Amino acid sequence: MLAATHGWERWLTLAPVFVIGIGLIGAVLILLVRAFMDSIKDVKDKRLIVLAIVALVAVVAILTYLGVSLPREE
């Protein structure tokens, strides 16, 4: 039945799925960020954590710029 609908009707039918999915993803991200912030609160040297995050982002950005890709299993 879903395949028989046209254009905006399909999006209207799937709208609740998108809303619930985005809500679940948002809730999981909020929980993960709160847990991360709680664990950082106990660390004495916060600069080390910030430096590690910046280094990780820099490495990912450099490898992406260079076009390095992970090997795929076949």
C-alpha atoms as a PDB file:
ATOM      1  CA  MET A   1       0.000   0.000   0.000  1.00  0.00           C
ATOM      2  CA  LEU A   2       2.869   2.397   0.825  1.00  0.00           C
ATOM      3  CA  ALA A   3       4.372   1.840  -2.620  1.00  0.00           C
ATOM      4  CA  ALA A   4       1.084   2.877  -4.237  1.00  0.00           C
ATOM      5  CA  THR A   5       1.051   6.330  -2.614  1.00  0.00           C
ATOM      6  CA  HIS A   6       2.351   9.362  -4.484  1.00  0.00           C
ATOM      7  CA  GLY A   7       4.880  12.054  -3.525  1.00  0.00           C
ATOM      8  CA  TRP A   8       3.752  14.027  -0.497  1.00  0.00           C
ATOM      9  CA  GLU A   9       1.393  11.264   0.639  1.00  0.00           C
ATOM     10  CA  ARG A  10       4.352   8.950   1.135  1.00  0.00           C
ATOM     11  CA  TRP A  11       6.158  11.582   3.227  1.00  0.00           C
ATOM     12  CA  LEU A  12       3.006  12.242   5.235  1.00  0.00           C
ATOM     13  CA  THR A  13       2.657   8.525   5.902  1.00  0.00           C
ATOM     14  CA  LEU A  14       6.290   8.220   7.012  1.00  0.00           C
ATOM     15  CA  ALA A  15       6.330  11.445   9.092  1.00  0.00           C
ATOM     16  CA  PRO A  16       5.689   9.697  12.454  1.00  0.00           C
ATOM     17  CA  VAL A  17       8.566   7.304  11.768  1.00  0.00           C
ATOM     18  CA  PHE A  18      10.927  10.219  11.116  1.00  0.00           C
ATOM     19  CA  VAL A  19       9.785  12.114  14.217  1.00  0.00           C
ATOM     20  CA  ILE A  20      10.185   9.096  16.491  1.00  0.00           C
ATOM     21  CA  GLY A  21      13.536   8.165  14.930  1.00  0.00           C
ATOM     22  CA  ILE A  22      14.952  11.674  15.297  1.00  0.00           C
ATOM     23  CA  GLY A  23      13.666  11.806  18.870  1.00  0.00           C
ATOM     24  CA  LEU A  24      15.349   8.522  19.750  1.00  0.00           C
ATOM     25  CA  ILE A  25      18.632   9.587  18.195  1.00  0.00           C
ATOM     26  CA  GLY A  26      18.463  12.905  20.051  1.00  0.00           C
ATOM     27  CA  ALA A  27      17.742  11.160  23.369  1.00  0.00           C
ATOM     28  CA  VAL A  28      20.673   8.777  22.947  1.00  0.00           C
ATOM     29  CA  LEU A  29      22.999  11.666  22.067  1.00  0.00           C
ATOM     30  CA  ILE A  30      21.852  13.622  25.118  1.00  0.00           C
ATOM     31  CA  LEU A  31      22.506  10.631  27.381  1.00  0.00           C
ATOM     32  CA  LEU A  32      25.947  10.027  25.863  1.00  0.00           C
ATOM     33  CA  VAL A  33      26.966  13.686  26.181  1.00  0.00           C
ATOM     34  CA  ARG A  34      25.746  13.843  29.786  1.00  0.00           C
ATOM     35  CA  ALA A  35      27.676  10.666  30.650  1.00  0.00           C
ATOM     36  CA  PHE A  36      30.795  12.040  28.942  1.00  0.00           C
ATOM     37  CA  MET A  37      30.519  15.357  30.782  1.00  0.00           C
ATOM     38  CA  ASP A  38      30.013  13.547  34.082  1.00  0.00           C
ATOM     39  CA  SER A  39      33.116  11.432  33.530  1.00  0.00           C
ATOM     40  CA  ILE A  40      35.167  14.503  32.552  1.00  0.00           C
ATOM     41  CA  LYS A  41      34.134  16.237  35.764  1.00  0.00           C
ATOM     42  CA  ASP A  42      36.263  13.773  37.766  1.00  0.00           C
ATOM     43  CA  VAL A  43      39.432  14.207  35.660  1.00  0.00           C
ATOM     44  CA  LYS A  44      42.082  16.451  37.197  1.00  0.00           C
ATOM     45  CA  ASP A  45      43.803  17.520  33.975  1.00  0.00           C
ATOM     46  CA  LYS A  46      41.010  18.616  31.638  1.00  0.00           C
ATOM     47  CA  ARG A  47      43.477  20.012  29.091  1.00  0.00           C
ATOM     48  CA  LEU A  48      44.610  16.471  28.310  1.00  0.00           C
ATOM     49  CA  ILE A  49      41.046  15.453  27.401  1.00  0.00           C
ATOM     50  CA  VAL A  50      40.573  18.546  25.216  1.00  0.00           C
ATOM     51  CA  LEU A  51      43.934  17.939  23.536  1.00  0.00           C
ATOM     52  CA  ALA A  52      42.998  14.302  22.812  1.00  0.00           C
ATOM     53  CA  ILE A  53      39.668  15.339  21.262  1.00  0.00           C
ATOM     54  CA  VAL A  54      41.344  18.020  19.126  1.00  0.00           C
ATOM     55  CA  ALA A  55      44.021  15.535  18.020  1.00  0.00           C
ATOM     56  CA  LEU A  56      41.386  12.948  17.068  1.00  0.00           C
ATOM     57  CA  VAL A  57      39.404  15.488  15.036  1.00  0.00           C
ATOM     58  CA  ALA A  58      42.614  16.666  13.331  1.00  0.00           C
ATOM     59  CA  VAL A  59      43.664  13.120  12.415  1.00  0.00           C
ATOM     60  CA  VAL A  60      40.228  12.327  10.974  1.00  0.00           C
ATOM     61  CA  ALA A  61      40.203  15.601   9.023  1.00  0.00           C
ATOM     62  CA  ILE A  62      43.703  15.029   7.607  1.00  0.00           C
ATOM     63  CA  LEU A  63      42.966  11.427   6.611  1.00  0.00           C
ATOM     64  CA  THR A  64      39.707  12.509   4.986  1.00  0.00           C
ATOM     65  CA  TYR A  65      41.500  15.285   3.083  1.00  0.00           C
ATOM     66  CA  LEU A  66      44.118  12.803   1.873  1.00  0.00           C
ATOM     67  CA  GLY A  67      41.395  10.434   0.686  1.00  0.00           C
ATOM     68  CA  VAL A  68      42.329   7.505   2.905  1.00  0.00           C
ATOM     69  CA  SER A  69      39.515   4.967   3.128  1.00  0.00           C
ATOM     70  CA  LEU A  70      39.094   1.890   5.258  1.00  0.00           C
ATOM     71  CA  PRO A  71      39.405  -1.494   3.566  1.00  0.00           C
ATOM     72  CA  ARG A  72      36.073  -3.197   2.866  1.00  0.00           C
ATOM     73  CA  GLU A  73      35.308  -6.814   3.605  1.00  0.00           C
ATOM     74  CA  GLU A  74      34.100  -8.863   0.687  1.00  0.00           C
END
